[in-house]
N, C-alpha and C. Protein backbone atom coordinates (compact mmCIF):
# COMPACT_ATOMS: atom_id res chain seq x y z
N MET A 1 283.09 82.62 -8.85
CA MET A 1 282.41 82.23 -7.80
C MET A 1 282.75 83.44 -6.44
N SER A 2 281.39 84.23 -6.01
CA SER A 2 281.83 85.01 -5.08
C SER A 2 281.96 84.51 -3.88
N GLY A 3 283.18 84.64 -3.25
CA GLY A 3 283.47 84.03 -2.14
C GLY A 3 284.14 82.88 -2.32
N SER A 4 284.51 81.93 -1.22
CA SER A 4 285.06 80.93 -1.25
C SER A 4 284.30 79.64 -0.29
N PRO A 5 284.35 78.60 -0.36
CA PRO A 5 283.55 77.62 0.17
C PRO A 5 283.51 77.74 1.84
N SER A 6 284.99 78.05 2.13
CA SER A 6 285.38 78.34 3.52
C SER A 6 284.56 79.48 4.13
N THR A 7 284.09 80.41 3.50
CA THR A 7 283.47 81.92 3.78
C THR A 7 281.91 81.82 3.56
N LEU A 8 281.23 80.34 3.06
CA LEU A 8 280.16 80.44 2.65
C LEU A 8 279.32 79.36 3.30
N LEU A 9 278.34 79.49 3.67
CA LEU A 9 277.39 78.41 4.26
C LEU A 9 276.90 77.49 3.12
N GLU A 10 277.21 76.24 3.23
CA GLU A 10 276.73 75.29 2.37
C GLU A 10 275.65 74.68 2.73
N THR A 11 274.65 74.57 1.95
CA THR A 11 273.37 73.67 2.38
C THR A 11 273.11 72.97 1.23
N SER A 12 272.42 71.87 1.57
CA SER A 12 271.66 70.86 0.25
C SER A 12 270.46 70.94 -0.19
N GLY A 13 269.90 72.67 -0.52
CA GLY A 13 268.80 72.90 -1.31
C GLY A 13 267.85 73.50 -0.15
N ALA A 14 268.06 73.63 1.27
CA ALA A 14 267.11 74.36 1.84
C ALA A 14 266.80 75.31 1.55
N VAL A 15 265.56 75.98 1.99
CA VAL A 15 264.94 77.17 1.42
C VAL A 15 264.85 78.14 2.69
N GLY A 16 265.49 77.89 3.78
CA GLY A 16 265.20 78.69 5.13
C GLY A 16 265.67 80.21 4.98
N PRO A 17 265.34 80.68 5.97
CA PRO A 17 265.25 82.32 6.21
C PRO A 17 266.79 82.88 6.26
N ARG A 18 267.93 82.05 5.81
CA ARG A 18 268.63 82.56 5.70
C ARG A 18 268.92 83.50 4.40
N ALA A 19 267.87 83.24 3.78
CA ALA A 19 267.60 84.07 2.40
C ALA A 19 268.62 85.08 2.06
N ALA A 20 269.04 85.47 1.55
CA ALA A 20 269.89 86.64 0.92
C ALA A 20 270.55 87.49 2.01
N SER A 21 270.63 87.19 3.42
CA SER A 21 271.51 87.90 4.38
C SER A 21 273.00 87.85 4.02
N ARG A 22 273.15 86.79 3.25
CA ARG A 22 274.95 86.75 3.05
C ARG A 22 274.86 85.89 1.91
N PRO A 23 276.04 85.68 1.04
CA PRO A 23 276.19 84.71 0.10
C PRO A 23 276.23 83.42 0.84
N GLU A 24 275.53 82.46 0.07
CA GLU A 24 275.31 80.96 0.25
C GLU A 24 275.79 80.21 -0.54
N LEU A 25 276.48 79.12 -0.21
CA LEU A 25 276.83 78.22 -1.19
C LEU A 25 275.60 76.92 -0.87
N VAL A 26 275.13 76.63 -2.37
CA VAL A 26 273.89 75.50 -2.33
C VAL A 26 274.48 74.52 -3.21
N ARG A 27 274.04 73.17 -2.60
CA ARG A 27 274.00 72.00 -3.47
C ARG A 27 272.89 71.61 -3.97
N LEU A 28 272.83 71.64 -5.19
CA LEU A 28 271.36 71.25 -5.95
C LEU A 28 271.37 69.67 -6.37
N ARG A 29 270.06 69.17 -6.75
CA ARG A 29 269.80 67.72 -6.75
C ARG A 29 271.11 66.85 -7.46
N ASP A 30 271.86 67.60 -8.45
CA ASP A 30 272.66 66.90 -9.15
C ASP A 30 274.18 67.03 -8.71
N GLY A 31 274.12 67.49 -7.27
CA GLY A 31 275.40 67.76 -6.72
C GLY A 31 276.18 69.00 -7.30
N SER A 32 275.70 69.68 -8.21
CA SER A 32 276.19 71.07 -8.40
C SER A 32 276.15 71.84 -7.50
N LEU A 33 277.03 73.04 -7.47
CA LEU A 33 277.07 73.88 -6.38
C LEU A 33 276.93 75.55 -7.01
N VAL A 34 276.03 76.39 -6.42
CA VAL A 34 275.70 77.49 -6.91
C VAL A 34 275.94 78.40 -5.52
N THR A 35 276.43 79.65 -5.85
CA THR A 35 276.27 80.41 -4.94
C THR A 35 274.96 81.50 -4.88
N ILE A 36 274.10 81.74 -3.60
CA ILE A 36 273.04 82.60 -4.08
C ILE A 36 273.24 83.88 -2.99
N ARG A 37 272.84 84.81 -3.47
CA ARG A 37 273.11 86.32 -2.82
C ARG A 37 272.13 87.34 -3.36
N ALA A 38 272.17 88.19 -2.63
CA ALA A 38 270.97 89.44 -2.94
C ALA A 38 271.28 89.90 -4.07
N THR A 39 270.30 90.42 -5.04
CA THR A 39 270.83 91.23 -6.25
C THR A 39 271.34 92.58 -6.13
N ARG A 40 272.42 92.97 -6.82
CA ARG A 40 272.76 94.65 -6.51
C ARG A 40 272.64 94.94 -7.94
N GLU A 41 272.86 96.35 -7.74
CA GLU A 41 272.60 97.18 -9.16
C GLU A 41 273.90 96.86 -9.95
N ASP A 42 274.81 96.44 -9.62
CA ASP A 42 275.92 96.10 -10.71
C ASP A 42 275.76 94.57 -11.20
N ASP A 43 274.88 94.04 -11.00
CA ASP A 43 274.46 92.53 -11.37
C ASP A 43 273.98 92.96 -12.84
N GLU A 44 273.53 94.19 -13.33
CA GLU A 44 272.63 94.54 -14.54
C GLU A 44 273.31 94.18 -15.67
N VAL A 45 274.76 94.03 -16.01
CA VAL A 45 275.20 93.55 -17.19
C VAL A 45 275.18 92.07 -17.11
N SER A 46 275.58 91.64 -16.11
CA SER A 46 275.65 89.86 -16.06
C SER A 46 274.29 89.50 -16.13
N LEU A 47 273.12 90.10 -15.51
CA LEU A 47 271.90 89.72 -15.81
C LEU A 47 271.41 89.71 -17.37
N ARG A 48 271.75 90.85 -17.95
CA ARG A 48 271.33 90.92 -19.14
C ARG A 48 271.99 89.77 -20.02
N LEU A 49 273.49 89.46 -19.93
CA LEU A 49 273.72 88.25 -20.47
C LEU A 49 273.10 86.69 -20.41
N PHE A 50 272.76 86.56 -18.83
CA PHE A 50 272.00 85.69 -18.71
C PHE A 50 270.53 85.59 -19.24
N LEU A 51 269.86 86.67 -19.38
CA LEU A 51 268.99 86.76 -20.04
C LEU A 51 268.61 86.09 -21.62
N SER A 52 270.01 87.08 -22.03
CA SER A 52 270.12 86.53 -23.61
C SER A 52 270.32 85.41 -23.90
N ASP A 53 271.02 84.74 -22.65
CA ASP A 53 271.62 83.04 -23.04
C ASP A 53 270.50 82.30 -22.92
N LEU A 54 269.18 82.42 -22.28
CA LEU A 54 268.09 81.79 -22.11
C LEU A 54 267.64 81.40 -23.77
N CYS A 55 267.03 80.39 -23.99
CA CYS A 55 266.82 79.89 -24.99
C CYS A 55 265.58 80.75 -25.53
N PRO A 56 265.03 81.01 -26.79
CA PRO A 56 263.88 81.59 -26.96
C PRO A 56 262.65 81.40 -26.51
N GLU A 57 262.09 79.86 -26.45
CA GLU A 57 261.31 79.59 -25.87
C GLU A 57 261.25 80.02 -24.33
N ALA A 58 262.23 79.74 -23.69
CA ALA A 58 262.31 79.93 -22.12
C ALA A 58 262.21 81.49 -21.75
N ARG A 59 262.51 82.30 -22.82
CA ARG A 59 262.38 83.84 -22.71
C ARG A 59 260.80 84.00 -22.80
N ARG A 60 260.05 83.44 -23.84
CA ARG A 60 258.87 83.64 -24.03
C ARG A 60 257.96 82.99 -22.83
N LEU A 61 258.28 82.03 -22.17
CA LEU A 61 257.59 81.35 -21.25
C LEU A 61 257.61 82.17 -19.79
N ARG A 62 258.95 83.02 -19.94
CA ARG A 62 259.19 83.76 -18.53
C ARG A 62 258.44 85.25 -18.95
N PHE A 63 258.52 85.81 -19.91
CA PHE A 63 258.25 87.52 -20.37
C PHE A 63 256.85 87.27 -21.32
N PHE A 64 256.36 86.26 -21.66
CA PHE A 64 255.34 85.91 -22.48
C PHE A 64 255.32 86.96 -23.74
N THR A 65 256.56 86.85 -24.37
CA THR A 65 256.73 87.45 -25.58
C THR A 65 258.23 87.07 -25.98
N GLY A 66 258.34 86.79 -27.29
CA GLY A 66 259.71 86.13 -27.79
C GLY A 66 260.40 87.33 -28.03
N ALA A 67 259.87 88.47 -28.14
CA ALA A 67 260.74 89.97 -28.51
C ALA A 67 261.10 90.51 -27.27
N VAL A 68 261.52 89.62 -26.29
CA VAL A 68 261.60 90.73 -24.85
C VAL A 68 262.92 91.43 -25.02
N ASP A 69 262.76 92.56 -24.42
CA ASP A 69 263.79 93.68 -24.49
C ASP A 69 264.68 93.30 -23.52
N THR A 70 266.11 92.54 -23.60
CA THR A 70 266.62 91.91 -22.44
C THR A 70 267.35 93.32 -21.88
N ALA A 71 267.83 94.33 -22.32
CA ALA A 71 268.38 95.31 -21.53
C ALA A 71 267.23 95.86 -20.57
N SER A 72 266.03 96.06 -21.13
CA SER A 72 265.12 96.70 -20.02
C SER A 72 264.93 95.72 -18.71
N ALA A 73 264.68 94.45 -19.35
CA ALA A 73 264.49 93.26 -18.19
C ALA A 73 265.42 93.04 -17.26
N ALA A 74 266.84 93.36 -17.65
CA ALA A 74 267.96 93.44 -16.79
C ALA A 74 268.09 94.64 -15.93
N HIS A 75 267.70 95.73 -16.45
CA HIS A 75 267.61 96.75 -15.56
C HIS A 75 266.69 96.65 -14.49
N LEU A 76 265.47 96.20 -14.88
CA LEU A 76 264.23 95.72 -13.79
C LEU A 76 264.82 94.74 -12.94
N ALA A 77 265.35 93.76 -13.40
CA ALA A 77 265.78 92.65 -12.50
C ALA A 77 266.91 93.17 -11.01
N ALA A 78 267.75 93.70 -11.84
CA ALA A 78 268.64 94.58 -11.08
C ALA A 78 268.26 95.68 -9.88
N ASP A 79 266.78 95.94 -10.11
CA ASP A 79 266.44 97.17 -9.25
C ASP A 79 266.64 96.62 -7.87
N THR A 80 267.21 97.54 -6.91
CA THR A 80 266.81 97.44 -5.57
C THR A 80 266.24 98.35 -4.82
N THR A 81 265.35 98.94 -5.39
CA THR A 81 264.51 100.15 -4.87
C THR A 81 263.90 99.80 -3.86
N ALA A 82 263.24 100.55 -2.93
CA ALA A 82 262.27 99.79 -2.03
C ALA A 82 260.99 99.03 -2.70
N GLY A 83 260.79 97.91 -2.14
CA GLY A 83 259.66 97.00 -2.48
C GLY A 83 260.19 96.05 -3.70
N HIS A 84 261.24 96.19 -4.07
CA HIS A 84 262.13 95.21 -5.11
C HIS A 84 263.11 94.58 -4.20
N HIS A 85 262.84 93.07 -4.09
CA HIS A 85 263.76 92.25 -3.58
C HIS A 85 264.11 91.11 -4.35
N GLY A 86 265.60 91.01 -4.89
CA GLY A 86 265.95 90.01 -5.98
C GLY A 86 267.20 89.09 -5.27
N LEU A 87 267.16 87.82 -5.92
CA LEU A 87 268.40 86.93 -5.67
C LEU A 87 268.90 86.55 -7.00
N VAL A 88 270.22 86.19 -7.04
CA VAL A 88 270.82 85.76 -8.14
C VAL A 88 271.64 84.38 -7.64
N ALA A 89 271.97 83.45 -8.55
CA ALA A 89 272.43 82.58 -8.43
C ALA A 89 273.57 82.36 -9.32
N ARG A 90 274.86 82.13 -8.55
CA ARG A 90 276.11 81.81 -9.85
C ARG A 90 276.54 80.89 -9.81
N ASP A 91 277.03 80.12 -10.81
CA ASP A 91 277.76 78.78 -10.98
C ASP A 91 279.23 79.00 -10.27
N GLU A 92 280.03 77.81 -10.38
CA GLU A 92 281.29 77.76 -9.74
C GLU A 92 282.02 78.58 -10.71
N ALA A 93 281.63 79.13 -11.84
CA ALA A 93 282.58 79.93 -12.68
C ALA A 93 282.06 81.25 -12.48
N GLY A 94 281.02 81.70 -11.67
CA GLY A 94 280.95 82.93 -11.32
C GLY A 94 279.86 83.45 -12.46
N VAL A 95 279.25 82.77 -13.14
CA VAL A 95 278.35 83.06 -14.25
C VAL A 95 276.71 82.87 -13.54
N ILE A 96 275.86 83.99 -13.70
CA ILE A 96 274.71 83.79 -13.32
C ILE A 96 273.73 82.80 -13.98
N VAL A 97 273.24 81.87 -13.09
CA VAL A 97 272.23 80.87 -13.70
C VAL A 97 270.99 80.75 -13.21
N GLY A 98 270.62 81.78 -12.37
CA GLY A 98 269.53 81.96 -11.92
C GLY A 98 269.22 83.39 -10.95
N HIS A 99 267.73 83.71 -11.16
CA HIS A 99 267.37 84.93 -10.95
C HIS A 99 266.18 84.78 -10.35
N ALA A 100 265.66 85.47 -9.31
CA ALA A 100 264.08 85.45 -8.74
C ALA A 100 264.08 86.91 -8.12
N ILE A 101 263.07 87.37 -8.33
CA ILE A 101 262.72 88.89 -7.95
C ILE A 101 261.16 88.66 -7.22
N CYS A 102 260.95 89.71 -6.14
CA CYS A 102 259.56 89.84 -5.69
C CYS A 102 259.32 91.36 -5.75
N VAL A 103 258.01 91.70 -6.12
CA VAL A 103 257.93 93.30 -6.04
C VAL A 103 256.86 93.62 -5.27
N GLN A 104 256.68 94.02 -4.27
CA GLN A 104 255.48 94.37 -3.58
C GLN A 104 254.49 95.14 -3.96
N LEU A 105 253.17 94.66 -3.96
CA LEU A 105 251.94 95.15 -4.52
C LEU A 105 251.14 96.01 -3.58
N GLY A 106 251.42 95.68 -2.13
CA GLY A 106 250.55 96.22 -1.13
C GLY A 106 251.17 95.64 0.24
N PRO A 107 250.58 96.02 1.06
CA PRO A 107 251.22 96.10 2.57
C PRO A 107 251.16 94.41 2.83
N GLU A 108 250.62 93.55 2.16
CA GLU A 108 250.75 91.89 2.37
C GLU A 108 251.08 91.25 1.30
N ARG A 109 251.20 91.97 0.05
CA ARG A 109 251.21 91.09 -1.21
C ARG A 109 252.44 91.39 -1.91
N ALA A 110 253.02 90.49 -2.87
CA ALA A 110 254.24 90.85 -3.43
C ALA A 110 253.96 89.78 -4.84
N GLU A 111 254.51 90.39 -6.05
CA GLU A 111 254.54 89.45 -7.17
C GLU A 111 255.63 88.99 -7.00
N VAL A 112 255.99 87.48 -7.43
CA VAL A 112 257.08 86.82 -7.56
C VAL A 112 257.27 86.14 -9.03
N ALA A 113 258.73 86.12 -9.47
CA ALA A 113 258.99 85.60 -10.75
C ALA A 113 260.39 85.09 -10.67
N VAL A 114 260.63 84.04 -11.65
CA VAL A 114 261.85 83.35 -11.61
C VAL A 114 262.26 82.69 -12.70
N GLU A 115 263.73 82.89 -12.80
CA GLU A 115 264.09 82.24 -14.22
C GLU A 115 265.56 81.51 -13.80
N VAL A 116 265.45 80.32 -14.71
CA VAL A 116 266.95 79.54 -14.42
C VAL A 116 267.30 79.26 -15.81
N ALA A 117 268.85 79.08 -15.80
CA ALA A 117 269.39 78.77 -16.93
C ALA A 117 269.12 77.21 -17.47
N ASP A 118 268.87 77.38 -18.86
CA ASP A 118 268.26 76.16 -19.70
C ASP A 118 268.82 75.13 -19.11
N GLN A 119 270.13 74.69 -18.60
CA GLN A 119 270.70 73.62 -18.37
C GLN A 119 270.41 73.04 -17.11
N LEU A 120 269.88 74.10 -16.03
CA LEU A 120 269.65 73.56 -14.93
C LEU A 120 268.48 73.31 -14.53
N HIS A 121 267.47 73.48 -15.36
CA HIS A 121 266.04 73.20 -15.35
C HIS A 121 266.01 71.62 -14.84
N GLY A 122 265.10 71.78 -13.66
CA GLY A 122 264.78 70.24 -13.13
C GLY A 122 265.58 69.86 -12.02
N ARG A 123 266.56 70.91 -11.52
CA ARG A 123 267.48 70.62 -10.24
C ARG A 123 267.40 71.24 -8.94
N GLY A 124 265.95 72.03 -8.89
CA GLY A 124 265.56 72.36 -7.83
C GLY A 124 266.04 73.77 -7.41
N LEU A 125 266.54 74.36 -8.53
CA LEU A 125 267.17 75.74 -8.21
C LEU A 125 265.97 77.07 -8.30
N GLY A 126 265.02 76.76 -9.24
CA GLY A 126 263.73 77.70 -9.06
C GLY A 126 263.05 77.57 -7.73
N THR A 127 262.81 76.29 -7.23
CA THR A 127 262.08 76.25 -5.93
C THR A 127 263.09 77.01 -4.62
N ILE A 128 264.35 76.70 -4.82
CA ILE A 128 265.00 77.32 -3.77
C ILE A 128 265.30 78.79 -3.81
N LEU A 129 265.21 79.63 -4.91
CA LEU A 129 265.28 80.77 -5.07
C LEU A 129 263.98 81.51 -4.53
N ILE A 130 262.74 81.02 -5.00
CA ILE A 130 261.32 81.22 -4.57
C ILE A 130 261.36 80.99 -3.05
N GLY A 131 261.71 79.83 -2.48
CA GLY A 131 261.79 79.50 -1.12
C GLY A 131 262.55 80.78 -0.50
N ARG A 132 263.88 80.94 -0.81
CA ARG A 132 264.57 82.26 -0.07
C ARG A 132 263.79 83.49 -0.14
N LEU A 133 263.36 83.65 -1.17
CA LEU A 133 262.60 85.09 -1.19
C LEU A 133 261.39 85.03 -0.45
N ALA A 134 260.40 83.87 -0.45
CA ALA A 134 259.32 83.87 0.19
C ALA A 134 259.65 84.03 1.92
N ALA A 135 260.82 83.15 2.24
CA ALA A 135 261.47 83.33 3.60
C ALA A 135 261.58 84.87 3.91
N LEU A 136 262.37 85.82 3.17
CA LEU A 136 262.58 87.09 3.35
C LEU A 136 261.21 87.86 3.41
N ALA A 137 260.40 87.71 2.41
CA ALA A 137 259.16 88.56 2.43
C ALA A 137 258.38 88.31 3.78
N GLU A 138 258.40 87.00 3.99
CA GLU A 138 257.56 86.85 5.17
C GLU A 138 257.99 87.51 6.47
N ARG A 139 259.25 87.57 6.78
CA ARG A 139 259.93 88.64 7.75
C ARG A 139 259.80 89.64 7.71
N ARG A 140 259.48 90.46 6.51
CA ARG A 140 259.09 91.79 6.21
C ARG A 140 257.58 92.05 6.14
N GLY A 141 256.66 91.09 6.68
CA GLY A 141 255.27 91.26 6.93
C GLY A 141 254.59 91.20 5.33
N ILE A 142 254.91 90.49 4.61
CA ILE A 142 254.37 90.17 3.36
C ILE A 142 253.81 88.50 3.42
N ALA A 143 252.48 88.56 3.40
CA ALA A 143 251.84 87.13 3.75
C ALA A 143 251.58 86.43 2.66
N TYR A 144 251.65 87.13 1.22
CA TYR A 144 251.33 86.21 0.18
C TYR A 144 252.38 86.79 -1.14
N PHE A 145 252.26 85.75 -1.90
CA PHE A 145 253.19 85.83 -3.23
C PHE A 145 251.87 85.51 -4.06
N VAL A 146 252.13 86.27 -5.23
CA VAL A 146 251.18 86.08 -6.51
C VAL A 146 252.22 85.94 -7.64
N ALA A 147 251.92 85.22 -8.62
CA ALA A 147 252.62 85.03 -9.88
C ALA A 147 251.85 84.78 -10.92
N GLU A 148 251.98 85.47 -12.19
CA GLU A 148 251.26 85.48 -13.61
C GLU A 148 252.13 84.36 -14.31
N VAL A 149 251.24 83.40 -14.83
CA VAL A 149 252.23 82.12 -15.51
C VAL A 149 251.38 81.89 -16.62
N LEU A 150 252.24 81.59 -17.78
CA LEU A 150 251.47 81.12 -19.12
C LEU A 150 250.65 80.00 -18.71
N CYS A 151 249.69 79.34 -19.02
CA CYS A 151 248.81 78.23 -18.99
C CYS A 151 249.55 77.24 -19.35
N GLU A 152 250.22 77.23 -20.56
CA GLU A 152 250.85 76.06 -21.07
C GLU A 152 252.28 76.09 -20.17
N ASN A 153 252.55 76.91 -19.33
CA ASN A 153 254.10 76.50 -18.43
C ASN A 153 253.57 75.86 -17.41
N ARG A 154 253.62 74.49 -17.93
CA ARG A 154 253.30 73.34 -16.96
C ARG A 154 254.30 73.36 -15.78
N ALA A 155 255.44 73.34 -16.35
CA ALA A 155 256.66 73.01 -15.37
C ALA A 155 256.65 74.32 -14.44
N MET A 156 256.67 75.47 -14.57
CA MET A 156 256.46 76.25 -13.53
C MET A 156 255.29 76.25 -12.57
N LEU A 157 254.10 76.05 -13.17
CA LEU A 157 253.02 75.85 -12.45
C LEU A 157 253.21 74.97 -11.46
N ASP A 158 253.99 73.85 -11.78
CA ASP A 158 254.01 72.45 -11.13
C ASP A 158 254.83 73.14 -9.91
N VAL A 159 256.03 73.68 -10.01
CA VAL A 159 256.75 74.40 -9.02
C VAL A 159 256.15 75.20 -7.97
N PHE A 160 254.95 75.93 -8.49
CA PHE A 160 254.40 76.92 -7.36
C PHE A 160 253.42 75.89 -6.89
N ARG A 161 252.67 74.93 -7.54
CA ARG A 161 251.56 73.81 -6.84
C ARG A 161 252.26 73.19 -5.96
N GLU A 162 253.51 72.22 -6.64
CA GLU A 162 253.76 71.10 -5.77
C GLU A 162 254.79 71.60 -4.78
N GLY A 163 255.40 72.84 -4.82
CA GLY A 163 256.49 73.25 -4.07
C GLY A 163 255.96 73.98 -2.85
N PHE A 164 254.91 75.00 -3.11
CA PHE A 164 254.34 75.83 -2.25
C PHE A 164 252.87 75.51 -2.14
N ASP A 165 252.10 74.56 -2.54
CA ASP A 165 250.84 74.59 -2.24
C ASP A 165 250.13 75.84 -2.94
N ALA A 166 250.47 76.17 -4.14
CA ALA A 166 249.78 77.44 -4.68
C ALA A 166 248.47 77.13 -5.52
N ARG A 167 247.56 78.03 -5.38
CA ARG A 167 246.48 77.73 -5.94
C ARG A 167 246.04 78.91 -7.04
N VAL A 168 245.27 78.59 -8.24
CA VAL A 168 245.02 79.20 -9.18
C VAL A 168 243.64 80.30 -8.70
N VAL A 169 244.14 81.62 -8.60
CA VAL A 169 242.85 82.47 -8.30
C VAL A 169 242.31 83.11 -9.38
N GLY A 170 242.94 82.99 -10.74
CA GLY A 170 242.31 83.69 -11.75
C GLY A 170 242.95 83.36 -13.06
N ARG A 171 242.01 83.68 -14.16
CA ARG A 171 242.80 83.24 -15.39
C ARG A 171 242.27 84.48 -16.37
N ASP A 172 243.30 84.86 -16.92
CA ASP A 172 242.87 86.29 -18.23
C ASP A 172 243.56 85.61 -19.43
N GLY A 173 242.81 85.16 -20.55
CA GLY A 173 243.47 84.75 -21.72
C GLY A 173 244.36 83.33 -21.44
N PRO A 174 245.64 83.68 -21.86
CA PRO A 174 246.42 82.51 -21.69
C PRO A 174 247.40 82.39 -20.32
N GLU A 175 246.78 83.35 -19.46
CA GLU A 175 247.52 83.37 -18.17
C GLU A 175 246.81 83.00 -17.11
N GLU A 176 247.46 82.38 -16.31
CA GLU A 176 247.15 81.73 -14.90
C GLU A 176 247.25 82.60 -13.71
N ARG A 177 246.85 83.28 -12.98
CA ARG A 177 247.59 83.78 -11.81
C ARG A 177 247.25 82.94 -10.34
N VAL A 178 248.19 82.81 -9.87
CA VAL A 178 248.50 81.80 -8.78
C VAL A 178 248.76 82.69 -7.68
N GLU A 179 248.21 82.01 -6.31
CA GLU A 179 248.92 82.78 -5.29
C GLU A 179 249.48 81.72 -4.15
N PHE A 180 250.14 82.12 -3.29
CA PHE A 180 250.55 81.14 -1.98
C PHE A 180 251.01 81.70 -1.11
N LEU A 181 250.87 81.20 0.10
CA LEU A 181 251.29 82.02 1.41
C LEU A 181 252.81 81.96 1.47
N THR A 182 253.48 83.11 1.83
CA THR A 182 255.08 83.11 2.04
C THR A 182 255.47 82.29 3.11
N SER A 183 254.87 82.18 3.84
CA SER A 183 255.26 81.02 4.93
C SER A 183 255.27 79.61 4.45
N SER A 184 254.93 79.33 3.05
CA SER A 184 255.00 78.09 2.37
C SER A 184 256.49 77.64 2.09
N TRP A 185 257.28 78.38 2.55
CA TRP A 185 258.78 78.05 2.27
C TRP A 185 259.11 76.87 3.24
N ARG A 186 258.56 76.78 4.26
CA ARG A 186 258.66 75.76 5.21
C ARG A 186 258.19 74.44 4.52
N VAL A 187 257.11 74.35 3.76
CA VAL A 187 256.63 73.31 2.80
C VAL A 187 257.64 72.74 2.08
N ALA A 188 258.24 73.83 1.36
CA ALA A 188 259.08 73.54 0.15
C ALA A 188 260.31 72.96 0.67
N GLN A 189 260.92 73.52 1.82
CA GLN A 189 261.81 72.94 2.30
C GLN A 189 261.84 71.52 2.78
N ALA A 190 260.61 71.28 3.32
CA ALA A 190 260.40 69.89 3.93
C ALA A 190 260.60 69.12 2.51
N ARG A 191 259.87 69.37 1.44
CA ARG A 191 260.06 68.60 0.19
C ARG A 191 261.30 68.48 -0.07
N LEU A 192 261.89 69.39 -0.41
CA LEU A 192 263.23 69.36 -0.89
C LEU A 192 263.82 68.31 -0.07
N GLU A 193 264.09 68.46 1.24
CA GLU A 193 264.53 67.41 2.36
C GLU A 193 264.57 66.36 2.06
N SER A 194 263.02 65.81 1.79
CA SER A 194 262.53 64.39 1.77
C SER A 194 263.10 63.93 0.34
N LEU A 195 263.17 64.72 -0.61
CA LEU A 195 263.80 64.35 -2.12
C LEU A 195 265.23 64.20 -1.78
N ALA A 196 266.06 64.81 -1.06
CA ALA A 196 267.39 64.79 -1.04
C ALA A 196 267.70 63.19 -0.09
N THR A 197 266.45 63.03 0.97
CA THR A 197 266.89 61.76 1.69
C THR A 197 266.25 60.48 1.19
N GLY A 198 265.33 60.68 0.40
CA GLY A 198 264.54 59.54 -0.27
C GLY A 198 265.19 58.76 -1.50
């Protein structure tokens, strides 16, 4: 893990605007801890291992193909050039267990994507990563996130719809395009807090 708990801010799944300003220790729904920070170029090798370790079905749902080139995907995931903003989540052993990225499409729009290690599905990490990116994007003047999702990927569509009030704005064959306001990170935060106290 990068840093120690004494130097990191521990939150319980909040998705607020501390988003990537510094490493942050976050407790997931099951009590496990991850550290979230901005993606760096030197994360590329670790990101390649992370993507390679995803089960074939998870890679297919994320990249729309079972034959994804993980080296190229990791290179793009680690991109820190203008218009690219990414986050990585590492477990207590320092292994990447989640990654999210947004790529600016225009003055007010960016495309967002997220992937989470198979063993952490359903624990809120995807929502937390998207929420932090949304808060960061909102501060930078990006008003909307869009995402392309396979229609069969109900879990991911539910994250966008139930977490961020996303709406379907188009369909192209097996893919749906969803859109939501970056300001909806506040909606996601309220829902995560409600689950934590409920």
